[in-house]
Amino acid sequence: MNRRKSRAGRSLENHMEYILKKSDIPHVIRPKLDGEPDIVIPSAEAYNDPNYPANKLVVVGVKTTCKDRWRQVVHEAKRVTEKHILTIQQGISSKQLTQMHDSHVTLIVPTRLHKQYPKGSPMTILDVKGFVKEVKQRLA
């Protein structure tokens, strides 16, 4: 069961890597940084360069389900205060969305799953296209 979950997680990472490559967004998968985030944009070198603007760094946790694992992402790559989580989890409670929002986490969820998330939450939920657009604007 655990191996199957691990393969599903790696598969989701591979899909995100494909999207980033096709979108010409520089990135590193599983860089050796504090907390070992899943994806760092644009690079580990940029992250480690104190002169590189922190607002141009993007950290993405890739989680098939968030549950309590989303809290891990908050503690990864501490230089970046606003984190992103790509998930395919079908719906999350309003309470948990509020906790994520309060922890400066933005969700990336496929468009077809958006309708399964509660309305009225302060949480920002992006689709993949919106995320790519946001990253390109940051890196420009």
Protein backbone atom coordinates (compact mmCIF):
# COMPACT_ATOMS: atom_id res chain seq x y z
CA MET A 1 0.00 0.00 0.00
CA ASN A 2 2.78 2.44 0.93
CA ARG A 3 4.70 1.66 -2.27
CA ARG A 4 1.58 2.35 -4.30
CA LYS A 5 1.09 5.71 -2.54
CA SER A 6 4.75 6.57 -3.10
CA ARG A 7 4.46 5.75 -6.83
CA ALA A 8 1.34 7.90 -7.09
CA GLY A 9 3.20 10.80 -5.46
CA ARG A 10 6.18 10.41 -7.80
CA SER A 11 3.83 10.23 -10.76
CA LEU A 12 2.21 13.52 -9.74
CA GLU A 13 5.69 15.07 -9.41
CA ASN A 14 6.53 13.81 -12.91
CA HIS A 15 3.36 15.38 -14.31
CA MET A 16 4.22 18.71 -12.68
CA GLU A 17 7.78 18.51 -13.99
CA TYR A 18 6.43 17.91 -17.50
CA ILE A 19 4.16 20.96 -17.22
CA LEU A 20 7.02 23.15 -15.96
CA LYS A 21 9.32 21.97 -18.77
CA LYS A 22 6.64 22.55 -21.44
CA SER A 23 6.06 26.02 -19.95
CA ASP A 24 9.80 26.84 -20.04
CA ILE A 25 9.89 27.41 -16.29
CA PRO A 26 13.28 26.65 -14.75
CA HIS A 27 12.98 24.37 -11.73
CA VAL A 28 14.61 21.68 -9.63
CA ILE A 29 12.83 18.55 -8.41
CA ARG A 30 13.74 17.35 -4.89
CA PRO A 31 16.65 19.76 -4.33
CA LYS A 32 18.91 19.32 -1.33
CA LEU A 33 17.66 22.30 0.67
CA ASP A 34 16.43 22.84 4.19
CA GLY A 35 13.38 20.66 4.68
CA GLU A 36 13.78 19.06 1.23
CA PRO A 37 10.92 20.64 -0.74
CA ASP A 38 9.50 18.79 -3.74
CA ILE A 39 10.07 21.60 -6.29
CA VAL A 40 12.00 24.86 -6.19
CA ILE A 41 11.69 27.47 -8.93
CA PRO A 42 13.97 28.68 -10.51
CA SER A 43 16.88 26.72 -8.94
CA ALA A 44 18.64 25.61 -5.78
CA GLU A 45 21.46 28.03 -6.63
CA ALA A 46 19.03 30.95 -6.72
CA TYR A 47 17.53 29.82 -3.41
CA ASN A 48 20.98 29.65 -1.80
CA ASP A 49 22.05 33.05 -3.19
CA PRO A 50 21.19 35.67 -0.55
CA ASN A 51 21.23 38.35 -3.27
CA TYR A 52 18.54 36.60 -5.32
CA PRO A 53 15.16 38.23 -4.58
CA ALA A 54 13.04 35.96 -2.35
CA ASN A 55 9.86 37.13 -4.11
CA LYS A 56 11.10 35.42 -7.30
CA LEU A 57 11.48 32.06 -5.55
CA VAL A 58 8.62 29.56 -5.64
CA VAL A 59 8.39 26.43 -3.51
CA VAL A 60 5.89 23.72 -4.41
CA GLY A 61 4.95 20.72 -2.34
CA VAL A 62 3.41 17.92 -4.36
CA LYS A 63 0.93 15.88 -2.31
CA THR A 64 -1.66 13.50 -3.71
CA THR A 65 -3.60 14.16 -0.49
CA CYS A 66 -3.03 17.01 1.93
CA LYS A 67 -4.55 15.82 5.22
CA ASP A 68 -1.99 16.93 7.81
CA ARG A 69 0.95 16.51 5.43
CA TRP A 70 0.45 20.04 4.11
CA ARG A 71 2.08 21.29 7.32
CA GLN A 72 5.39 19.74 6.18
CA VAL A 73 5.53 22.18 3.28
CA VAL A 74 5.30 25.17 5.64
CA HIS A 75 8.60 24.11 7.23
CA GLU A 76 10.47 23.48 3.99
CA ALA A 77 12.69 26.07 2.29
CA LYS A 78 12.26 28.61 5.08
CA ARG A 79 13.57 31.48 2.95
CA VAL A 80 10.25 31.44 1.07
CA THR A 81 7.31 32.40 3.27
CA GLU A 82 4.52 31.79 0.75
CA LYS A 83 4.30 28.15 -0.30
CA HIS A 84 2.30 26.31 -2.96
CA ILE A 85 0.88 22.81 -2.77
CA LEU A 86 -0.18 20.85 -5.84
CA THR A 87 -2.78 18.28 -4.87
CA ILE A 88 -5.39 16.07 -6.46
CA GLN A 89 -7.29 15.63 -3.21
CA GLN A 90 -11.02 15.86 -3.79
CA GLY A 91 -12.14 18.60 -1.44
CA ILE A 92 -10.77 19.88 1.84
CA SER A 93 -12.76 21.23 4.79
CA SER A 94 -13.25 24.97 5.24
CA LYS A 95 -11.42 24.78 8.56
CA GLN A 96 -8.37 23.20 6.98
CA LEU A 97 -8.43 25.68 4.08
CA THR A 98 -8.47 28.54 6.60
CA GLN A 99 -5.49 26.99 8.43
CA MET A 100 -3.60 26.71 5.15
CA HIS A 101 -4.43 30.30 4.26
CA ASP A 102 -3.24 31.48 7.67
CA SER A 103 0.03 29.59 7.05
CA HIS A 104 0.54 31.38 3.69
CA VAL A 105 -0.17 28.31 1.55
CA THR A 106 -1.74 28.49 -1.90
CA LEU A 107 -3.32 25.38 -3.37
CA ILE A 108 -2.91 24.26 -6.96
CA VAL A 109 -5.77 21.95 -7.88
CA PRO A 110 -6.90 20.71 -11.30
CA THR A 111 -9.85 22.77 -12.55
CA ARG A 112 -12.22 19.80 -12.57
CA LEU A 113 -11.79 19.44 -8.78
CA HIS A 114 -12.47 23.10 -7.90
CA LYS A 115 -16.21 22.52 -7.54
CA GLN A 116 -15.52 20.02 -4.74
CA TYR A 117 -13.96 22.72 -2.54
CA PRO A 118 -16.14 24.81 -0.20
CA LYS A 119 -17.03 28.34 -1.26
CA GLY A 120 -16.39 31.31 1.00
CA SER A 121 -12.93 30.29 2.19
CA PRO A 122 -10.17 32.94 2.21
CA MET A 123 -7.90 30.36 0.57
CA THR A 124 -6.53 31.03 -2.88
CA ILE A 125 -7.01 27.99 -5.08
CA LEU A 126 -5.27 28.11 -8.45
CA ASP A 127 -5.63 25.78 -11.36
CA VAL A 128 -2.44 24.65 -13.10
CA LYS A 129 -2.71 27.30 -15.85
CA GLY A 130 -3.13 30.02 -13.22
CA PHE A 131 -0.08 28.75 -11.37
CA VAL A 132 2.06 28.75 -14.53
CA LYS A 133 0.90 32.30 -15.31
CA GLU A 134 1.72 33.46 -11.76
CA VAL A 135 5.19 31.92 -11.85
CA LYS A 136 6.00 33.44 -15.25
CA GLN A 137 4.95 36.87 -13.93
CA ARG A 138 7.16 36.46 -10.86
CA LEU A 139 10.18 35.40 -12.87
CA ALA A 140 9.80 38.19 -15.45
